[in-house]
Amino acid sequence: FEAAATYVTASVEEDTDRLDDAAGWVAPDALA
């Protein structure tokens, strides 16, 4: 849930660095 919240927030703010960082915190299927 931390990864998802950070990923979505970074996506809305168009922050690619945080987006990539959050994407690496958990497995892709868990992030989905």
PDB file of all heavy atoms in Angstrom:
ATOM      1  N   PHE A   1       0.815  -1.205   0.000  1.00  0.00           N
ATOM      2  CA  PHE A   1       0.000   0.000   0.000  1.00  0.00           C
ATOM      3  C   PHE A   1       0.855   1.263   0.000  1.00  0.00           C
ATOM      4  O   PHE A   1       0.493   2.263  -0.611  1.00  0.00           O
ATOM      5  CB  PHE A   1      -0.998  -0.027   1.147  1.00  0.00           C
ATOM      6  CG  PHE A   1      -1.919  -1.208   1.038  1.00  0.00           C
ATOM      7  CD1 PHE A   1      -1.899  -2.211   1.975  1.00  0.00           C
ATOM      8  CD2 PHE A   1      -2.786  -1.340  -0.037  1.00  0.00           C
ATOM      9  CE1 PHE A   1      -2.736  -3.313   1.861  1.00  0.00           C
ATOM     10  CE2 PHE A   1      -3.624  -2.435  -0.167  1.00  0.00           C
ATOM     11  CZ  PHE A   1      -3.600  -3.425   0.787  1.00  0.00           C
ATOM     12  N   GLU A   2       1.999   1.235   0.685  1.00  0.00           N
ATOM     13  CA  GLU A   2       2.928   2.366   0.609  1.00  0.00           C
ATOM     14  C   GLU A   2       3.430   2.544  -0.816  1.00  0.00           C
ATOM     15  O   GLU A   2       3.498   3.666  -1.323  1.00  0.00           O
ATOM     16  CB  GLU A   2       4.122   2.138   1.534  1.00  0.00           C
ATOM     17  CG  GLU A   2       3.839   2.282   2.999  1.00  0.00           C
ATOM     18  CD  GLU A   2       5.049   1.935   3.843  1.00  0.00           C
ATOM     19  OE1 GLU A   2       5.791   0.995   3.502  1.00  0.00           O
ATOM     20  OE2 GLU A   2       5.234   2.618   4.858  1.00  0.00           O
ATOM     21  N   ALA A   3       3.771   1.429  -1.440  1.00  0.00           N
ATOM     22  CA  ALA A   3       4.263   1.487  -2.817  1.00  0.00           C
ATOM     23  C   ALA A   3       3.189   2.026  -3.759  1.00  0.00           C
ATOM     24  O   ALA A   3       3.464   2.878  -4.612  1.00  0.00           O
ATOM     25  CB  ALA A   3       4.717   0.102  -3.266  1.00  0.00           C
ATOM     26  N   ALA A   4       1.969   1.555  -3.603  1.00  0.00           N
ATOM     27  CA  ALA A   4       0.879   2.005  -4.472  1.00  0.00           C
ATOM     28  C   ALA A   4       0.590   3.489  -4.277  1.00  0.00           C
ATOM     29  O   ALA A   4       0.422   4.234  -5.254  1.00  0.00           O
ATOM     30  CB  ALA A   4      -0.382   1.184  -4.211  1.00  0.00           C
ATOM     31  N   ALA A   5       0.534   3.939  -3.031  1.00  0.00           N
ATOM     32  CA  ALA A   5       0.251   5.348  -2.763  1.00  0.00           C
ATOM     33  C   ALA A   5       1.348   6.243  -3.332  1.00  0.00           C
ATOM     34  O   ALA A   5       1.063   7.267  -3.966  1.00  0.00           O
ATOM     35  CB  ALA A   5       0.106   5.576  -1.261  1.00  0.00           C
ATOM     36  N   THR A   6       2.593   5.857  -3.140  1.00  0.00           N
ATOM     37  CA  THR A   6       3.707   6.645  -3.667  1.00  0.00           C
ATOM     38  C   THR A   6       3.715   6.624  -5.184  1.00  0.00           C
ATOM     39  O   THR A   6       3.935   7.648  -5.828  1.00  0.00           O
ATOM     40  CB  THR A   6       5.046   6.116  -3.107  1.00  0.00           C
ATOM     41  OG1 THR A   6       4.993   6.177  -1.680  1.00  0.00           O
ATOM     42  CG2 THR A   6       6.214   6.934  -3.612  1.00  0.00           C
ATOM     43  N   TYR A   7       3.449   5.461  -5.773  1.00  0.00           N
ATOM     44  CA  TYR A   7       3.448   5.318  -7.226  1.00  0.00           C
ATOM     45  C   TYR A   7       2.365   6.193  -7.855  1.00  0.00           C
ATOM     46  O   TYR A   7       2.618   6.925  -8.816  1.00  0.00           O
ATOM     47  CB  TYR A   7       3.234   3.850  -7.603  1.00  0.00           C
ATOM     48  CG  TYR A   7       3.380   3.562  -9.076  1.00  0.00           C
ATOM     49  CD1 TYR A   7       4.616   3.245  -9.621  1.00  0.00           C
ATOM     50  CD2 TYR A   7       2.279   3.614  -9.922  1.00  0.00           C
ATOM     51  CE1 TYR A   7       4.761   2.980 -10.973  1.00  0.00           C
ATOM     52  CE2 TYR A   7       2.412   3.350 -11.282  1.00  0.00           C
ATOM     53  CZ  TYR A   7       3.649   3.030 -11.800  1.00  0.00           C
ATOM     54  OH  TYR A   7       3.787   2.782 -13.141  1.00  0.00           O
ATOM     55  N   VAL A   8       1.159   6.152  -7.302  1.00  0.00           N
ATOM     56  CA  VAL A   8       0.051   6.944  -7.851  1.00  0.00           C
ATOM     57  C   VAL A   8       0.319   8.430  -7.654  1.00  0.00           C
ATOM     58  O   VAL A   8       0.101   9.236  -8.568  1.00  0.00           O
ATOM     59  CB  VAL A   8      -1.288   6.520  -7.215  1.00  0.00           C
ATOM     60  CG1 VAL A   8      -2.403   7.481  -7.570  1.00  0.00           C
ATOM     61  CG2 VAL A   8      -1.649   5.108  -7.662  1.00  0.00           C
ATOM     62  N   THR A   9       0.793   8.818  -6.483  1.00  0.00           N
ATOM     63  CA  THR A   9       1.105  10.223  -6.220  1.00  0.00           C
ATOM     64  C   THR A   9       2.176  10.723  -7.188  1.00  0.00           C
ATOM     65  O   THR A   9       2.050  11.809  -7.763  1.00  0.00           O
ATOM     66  CB  THR A   9       1.578  10.415  -4.773  1.00  0.00           C
ATOM     67  OG1 THR A   9       0.576   9.915  -3.894  1.00  0.00           O
ATOM     68  CG2 THR A   9       1.858  11.862  -4.461  1.00  0.00           C
ATOM     69  N   ALA A  10       3.215   9.939  -7.375  1.00  0.00           N
ATOM     70  CA  ALA A  10       4.288  10.319  -8.298  1.00  0.00           C
ATOM     71  C   ALA A  10       3.773  10.404  -9.731  1.00  0.00           C
ATOM     72  O   ALA A  10       4.194  11.275 -10.496  1.00  0.00           O
ATOM     73  CB  ALA A  10       5.437   9.311  -8.207  1.00  0.00           C
ATOM     74  N   SER A  11       2.856   9.528 -10.092  1.00  0.00           N
ATOM     75  CA  SER A  11       2.274   9.564 -11.432  1.00  0.00           C
ATOM     76  C   SER A  11       1.483  10.848 -11.649  1.00  0.00           C
ATOM     77  O   SER A  11       1.592  11.498 -12.685  1.00  0.00           O
ATOM     78  CB  SER A  11       1.382   8.347 -11.644  1.00  0.00           C
ATOM     79  OG  SER A  11       0.778   8.396 -12.920  1.00  0.00           O
ATOM     80  N   VAL A  12       0.677  11.223 -10.665  1.00  0.00           N
ATOM     81  CA  VAL A  12      -0.129  12.447 -10.766  1.00  0.00           C
ATOM     82  C   VAL A  12       0.784  13.672 -10.847  1.00  0.00           C
ATOM     83  O   VAL A  12       0.531  14.593 -11.627  1.00  0.00           O
ATOM     84  CB  VAL A  12      -1.095  12.559  -9.568  1.00  0.00           C
ATOM     85  CG1 VAL A  12      -1.735  13.930  -9.498  1.00  0.00           C
ATOM     86  CG2 VAL A  12      -2.158  11.478  -9.652  1.00  0.00           C
ATOM     87  N   GLU A  13       1.851  13.663 -10.062  1.00  0.00           N
ATOM     88  CA  GLU A  13       2.778  14.792 -10.029  1.00  0.00           C
ATOM     89  C   GLU A  13       3.823  14.721 -11.142  1.00  0.00           C
ATOM     90  O   GLU A  13       4.674  15.604 -11.238  1.00  0.00           O
ATOM     91  CB  GLU A  13       3.474  14.851  -8.667  1.00  0.00           C
ATOM     92  CG  GLU A  13       2.509  15.144  -7.531  1.00  0.00           C
ATOM     93  CD  GLU A  13       3.143  15.021  -6.158  1.00  0.00           C
ATOM     94  OE1 GLU A  13       4.319  14.584  -6.059  1.00  0.00           O
ATOM     95  OE2 GLU A  13       2.459  15.353  -5.183  1.00  0.00           O
ATOM     96  N   GLU A  14       3.769  13.659 -11.948  1.00  0.00           N
ATOM     97  CA  GLU A  14       4.701  13.423 -13.048  1.00  0.00           C
ATOM     98  C   GLU A  14       6.159  13.432 -12.580  1.00  0.00           C
ATOM     99  O   GLU A  14       7.041  13.988 -13.211  1.00  0.00           O
ATOM    100  CB  GLU A  14       4.466  14.434 -14.168  1.00  0.00           C
ATOM    101  CG  GLU A  14       3.080  14.301 -14.775  1.00  0.00           C
ATOM    102  CD  GLU A  14       2.787  15.322 -15.857  1.00  0.00           C
ATOM    103  OE1 GLU A  14       3.674  16.160 -16.166  1.00  0.00           O
ATOM    104  OE2 GLU A  14       1.676  15.290 -16.400  1.00  0.00           O
ATOM    105  N   ASP A  15       6.398  12.797 -11.446  1.00  0.00           N
ATOM    106  CA  ASP A  15       7.732  12.675 -10.865  1.00  0.00           C
ATOM    107  C   ASP A  15       8.279  11.296 -11.220  1.00  0.00           C
ATOM    108  O   ASP A  15       8.040  10.313 -10.517  1.00  0.00           O
ATOM    109  CB  ASP A  15       7.650  12.859  -9.351  1.00  0.00           C
ATOM    110  CG  ASP A  15       9.006  12.848  -8.662  1.00  0.00           C
ATOM    111  OD1 ASP A  15      10.007  12.469  -9.300  1.00  0.00           O
ATOM    112  OD2 ASP A  15       9.053  13.217  -7.476  1.00  0.00           O
ATOM    113  N   THR A  16       9.022  11.223 -12.313  1.00  0.00           N
ATOM    114  CA  THR A  16       9.479   9.918 -12.807  1.00  0.00           C
ATOM    115  C   THR A  16      10.479   9.243 -11.877  1.00  0.00           C
ATOM    116  O   THR A  16      10.517   8.017 -11.810  1.00  0.00           O
ATOM    117  CB  THR A  16      10.097  10.049 -14.215  1.00  0.00           C
ATOM    118  OG1 THR A  16      11.138  11.029 -14.183  1.00  0.00           O
ATOM    119  CG2 THR A  16       9.048  10.458 -15.231  1.00  0.00           C
ATOM    120  N   ASP A  17      11.276  10.029 -11.154  1.00  0.00           N
ATOM    121  CA  ASP A  17      12.241   9.418 -10.230  1.00  0.00           C
ATOM    122  C   ASP A  17      11.527   8.668  -9.105  1.00  0.00           C
ATOM    123  O   ASP A  17      11.860   7.529  -8.790  1.00  0.00           O
ATOM    124  CB  ASP A  17      13.178  10.475  -9.640  1.00  0.00           C
ATOM    125  CG  ASP A  17      14.113  11.065 -10.691  1.00  0.00           C
ATOM    126  OD1 ASP A  17      14.370  10.371 -11.696  1.00  0.00           O
ATOM    127  OD2 ASP A  17      14.563  12.212 -10.509  1.00  0.00           O
ATOM    128  N   ARG A  18      10.536   9.327  -8.481  1.00  0.00           N
ATOM    129  CA  ARG A  18       9.766   8.663  -7.416  1.00  0.00           C
ATOM    130  C   ARG A  18       8.936   7.518  -7.975  1.00  0.00           C
ATOM    131  O   ARG A  18       8.741   6.505  -7.307  1.00  0.00           O
ATOM    132  CB  ARG A  18       8.849   9.674  -6.714  1.00  0.00           C
ATOM    133  CG  ARG A  18       9.529  10.355  -5.574  1.00  0.00           C
ATOM    134  CD  ARG A  18       8.640  11.230  -4.736  1.00  0.00           C
ATOM    135  NE  ARG A  18       7.288  10.749  -4.566  1.00  0.00           N
ATOM    136  CZ  ARG A  18       6.231  11.536  -4.395  1.00  0.00           C
ATOM    137  NH1 ARG A  18       6.361  12.828  -4.396  1.00  0.00           N
ATOM    138  NH2 ARG A  18       5.036  11.031  -4.225  1.00  0.00           N
ATOM    139  N   LEU A  19       8.451   7.670  -9.198  1.00  0.00           N
ATOM    140  CA  LEU A  19       7.674   6.620  -9.845  1.00  0.00           C
ATOM    141  C   LEU A  19       8.522   5.360 -10.001  1.00  0.00           C
ATOM    142  O   LEU A  19       8.100   4.256  -9.629  1.00  0.00           O
ATOM    143  CB  LEU A  19       7.194   7.117 -11.212  1.00  0.00           C
ATOM    144  CG  LEU A  19       6.141   6.338 -11.930  1.00  0.00           C
ATOM    145  CD1 LEU A  19       4.783   6.591 -11.299  1.00  0.00           C
ATOM    146  CD2 LEU A  19       6.093   6.746 -13.388  1.00  0.00           C
ATOM    147  N   ASP A  20       9.734   5.530 -10.514  1.00  0.00           N
ATOM    148  CA  ASP A  20      10.634   4.389 -10.680  1.00  0.00           C
ATOM    149  C   ASP A  20      11.043   3.803  -9.338  1.00  0.00           C
ATOM    150  O   ASP A  20      11.167   2.581  -9.192  1.00  0.00           O
ATOM    151  CB  ASP A  20      11.881   4.803 -11.473  1.00  0.00           C
ATOM    152  CG  ASP A  20      11.576   5.165 -12.908  1.00  0.00           C
ATOM    153  OD1 ASP A  20      10.520   4.728 -13.421  1.00  0.00           O
ATOM    154  OD2 ASP A  20      12.384   5.889 -13.522  1.00  0.00           O
ATOM    155  N   ASP A  21      11.262   4.653  -8.359  1.00  0.00           N
ATOM    156  CA  ASP A  21      11.643   4.188  -7.030  1.00  0.00           C
ATOM    157  C   ASP A  21      10.538   3.332  -6.420  1.00  0.00           C
ATOM    158  O   ASP A  21      10.788   2.228  -5.944  1.00  0.00           O
ATOM    159  CB  ASP A  21      11.950   5.394  -6.135  1.00  0.00           C
ATOM    160  CG  ASP A  21      12.580   5.000  -4.819  1.00  0.00           C
ATOM    161  OD1 ASP A  21      13.349   4.021  -4.787  1.00  0.00           O
ATOM    162  OD2 ASP A  21      12.302   5.685  -3.811  1.00  0.00           O
ATOM    163  N   ALA A  22       9.311   3.831  -6.449  1.00  0.00           N
ATOM    164  CA  ALA A  22       8.175   3.093  -5.868  1.00  0.00           C
ATOM    165  C   ALA A  22       7.924   1.790  -6.619  1.00  0.00           C
ATOM    166  O   ALA A  22       7.538   0.791  -6.013  1.00  0.00           O
ATOM    167  CB  ALA A  22       6.923   3.957  -5.877  1.00  0.00           C
ATOM    168  N   ALA A  23       8.154   1.781  -7.918  1.00  0.00           N
ATOM    169  CA  ALA A  23       7.941   0.570  -8.712  1.00  0.00           C
ATOM    170  C   ALA A  23       8.897  -0.551  -8.309  1.00  0.00           C
ATOM    171  O   ALA A  23       8.582  -1.725  -8.491  1.00  0.00           O
ATOM    172  CB  ALA A  23       8.090   0.877 -10.199  1.00  0.00           C
ATOM    173  N   GLY A  24      10.034  -0.196  -7.728  1.00  0.00           N
ATOM    174  CA  GLY A  24      11.002  -1.202  -7.315  1.00  0.00           C
ATOM    175  C   GLY A  24      10.818  -1.706  -5.897  1.00  0.00           C
ATOM    176  O   GLY A  24      11.515  -2.616  -5.455  1.00  0.00           O
ATOM    177  N   TRP A  25       9.884  -1.139  -5.152  1.00  0.00           N
ATOM    178  CA  TRP A  25       9.698  -1.530  -3.752  1.00  0.00           C
ATOM    179  C   TRP A  25       9.052  -2.890  -3.601  1.00  0.00           C
ATOM    180  O   TRP A  25       9.328  -3.601  -2.631  1.00  0.00           O
ATOM    181  CB  TRP A  25       8.856  -0.508  -3.018  1.00  0.00           C
ATOM    182  CG  TRP A  25       9.532   0.815  -2.794  1.00  0.00           C
ATOM    183  CD1 TRP A  25      10.843   1.114  -3.029  1.00  0.00           C
ATOM    184  CD2 TRP A  25       8.936   2.006  -2.310  1.00  0.00           C
ATOM    185  NE1 TRP A  25      11.088   2.427  -2.721  1.00  0.00           N
ATOM    186  CE2 TRP A  25       9.932   3.002  -2.268  1.00  0.00           C
ATOM    187  CE3 TRP A  25       7.646   2.337  -1.912  1.00  0.00           C
ATOM    188  CZ2 TRP A  25       9.684   4.296  -1.836  1.00  0.00           C
ATOM    189  CZ3 TRP A  25       7.401   3.627  -1.478  1.00  0.00           C
ATOM    190  CH2 TRP A  25       8.413   4.590  -1.440  1.00  0.00           C
ATOM    191  N   VAL A  26       8.157  -3.240  -4.497  1.00  0.00           N
ATOM    192  CA  VAL A  26       7.438  -4.515  -4.406  1.00  0.00           C
ATOM    193  C   VAL A  26       7.384  -5.142  -5.795  1.00  0.00           C
ATOM    194  O   VAL A  26       7.714  -4.495  -6.788  1.00  0.00           O
ATOM    195  CB  VAL A  26       5.996  -4.317  -3.852  1.00  0.00           C
ATOM    196  CG1 VAL A  26       6.029  -3.840  -2.411  1.00  0.00           C
ATOM    197  CG2 VAL A  26       5.194  -3.370  -4.708  1.00  0.00           C
ATOM    198  N   ALA A  27       6.930  -6.370  -5.862  1.00  0.00           N
ATOM    199  CA  ALA A  27       6.791  -7.064  -7.147  1.00  0.00           C
ATOM    200  C   ALA A  27       5.736  -6.359  -8.002  1.00  0.00           C
ATOM    201  O   ALA A  27       4.790  -5.766  -7.463  1.00  0.00           O
ATOM    202  CB  ALA A  27       6.384  -8.516  -6.909  1.00  0.00           C
ATOM    203  N   PRO A  28       5.876  -6.409  -9.328  1.00  0.00           N
ATOM    204  CA  PRO A  28       4.914  -5.730 -10.199  1.00  0.00           C
ATOM    205  C   PRO A  28       3.462  -6.151  -9.977  1.00  0.00           C
ATOM    206  O   PRO A  28       2.568  -5.298  -9.988  1.00  0.00           O
ATOM    207  CB  PRO A  28       5.376  -6.108 -11.610  1.00  0.00           C
ATOM    208  CG  PRO A  28       6.823  -6.409 -11.465  1.00  0.00           C
ATOM    209  CD  PRO A  28       6.979  -6.999 -10.094  1.00  0.00           C
ATOM    210  N   ASP A  29       3.226  -7.436  -9.747  1.00  0.00           N
ATOM    211  CA  ASP A  29       1.845  -7.867  -9.526  1.00  0.00           C
ATOM    212  C   ASP A  29       1.321  -7.362  -8.183  1.00  0.00           C
ATOM    213  O   ASP A  29       0.143  -7.026  -8.049  1.00  0.00           O
ATOM    214  CB  ASP A  29       1.704  -9.381  -9.633  1.00  0.00           C
ATOM    215  CG  ASP A  29       2.614 -10.142  -8.690  1.00  0.00           C
ATOM    216  OD1 ASP A  29       3.675  -9.607  -8.318  1.00  0.00           O
ATOM    217  OD2 ASP A  29       2.272 -11.278  -8.324  1.00  0.00           O
ATOM    218  N   ALA A  30       2.185  -7.240  -7.195  1.00  0.00           N
ATOM    219  CA  ALA A  30       1.770  -6.687  -5.905  1.00  0.00           C
ATOM    220  C   ALA A  30       1.469  -5.196  -6.036  1.00  0.00           C
ATOM    221  O   ALA A  30       0.506  -4.699  -5.450  1.00  0.00           O
ATOM    222  CB  ALA A  30       2.857  -6.912  -4.855  1.00  0.00           C
ATOM    223  N   LEU A  31       2.272  -4.493  -6.829  1.00  0.00           N
ATOM    224  CA  LEU A  31       2.024  -3.076  -7.060  1.00  0.00           C
ATOM    225  C   LEU A  31       0.696  -2.881  -7.782  1.00  0.00           C
ATOM    226  O   LEU A  31      -0.089  -1.989  -7.421  1.00  0.00           O
ATOM    227  CB  LEU A  31       3.161  -2.453  -7.865  1.00  0.00           C
ATOM    228  CG  LEU A  31       3.050  -0.958  -8.150  1.00  0.00           C
ATOM    229  CD1 LEU A  31       3.024  -0.157  -6.863  1.00  0.00           C
ATOM    230  CD2 LEU A  31       4.198  -0.512  -9.038  1.00  0.00           C
ATOM    231  N   ALA A  32       0.410  -3.713  -8.772  1.00  0.00           N
ATOM    232  CA  ALA A  32      -0.867  -3.629  -9.493  1.00  0.00           C
ATOM    233  C   ALA A  32      -2.039  -3.869  -8.538  1.00  0.00           C
ATOM    234  O   ALA A  32      -3.057  -3.176  -8.604  1.00  0.00           O
ATOM    235  CB  ALA A  32      -0.898  -4.635 -10.640  1.00  0.00           C
TER     236      ALA A  32
END
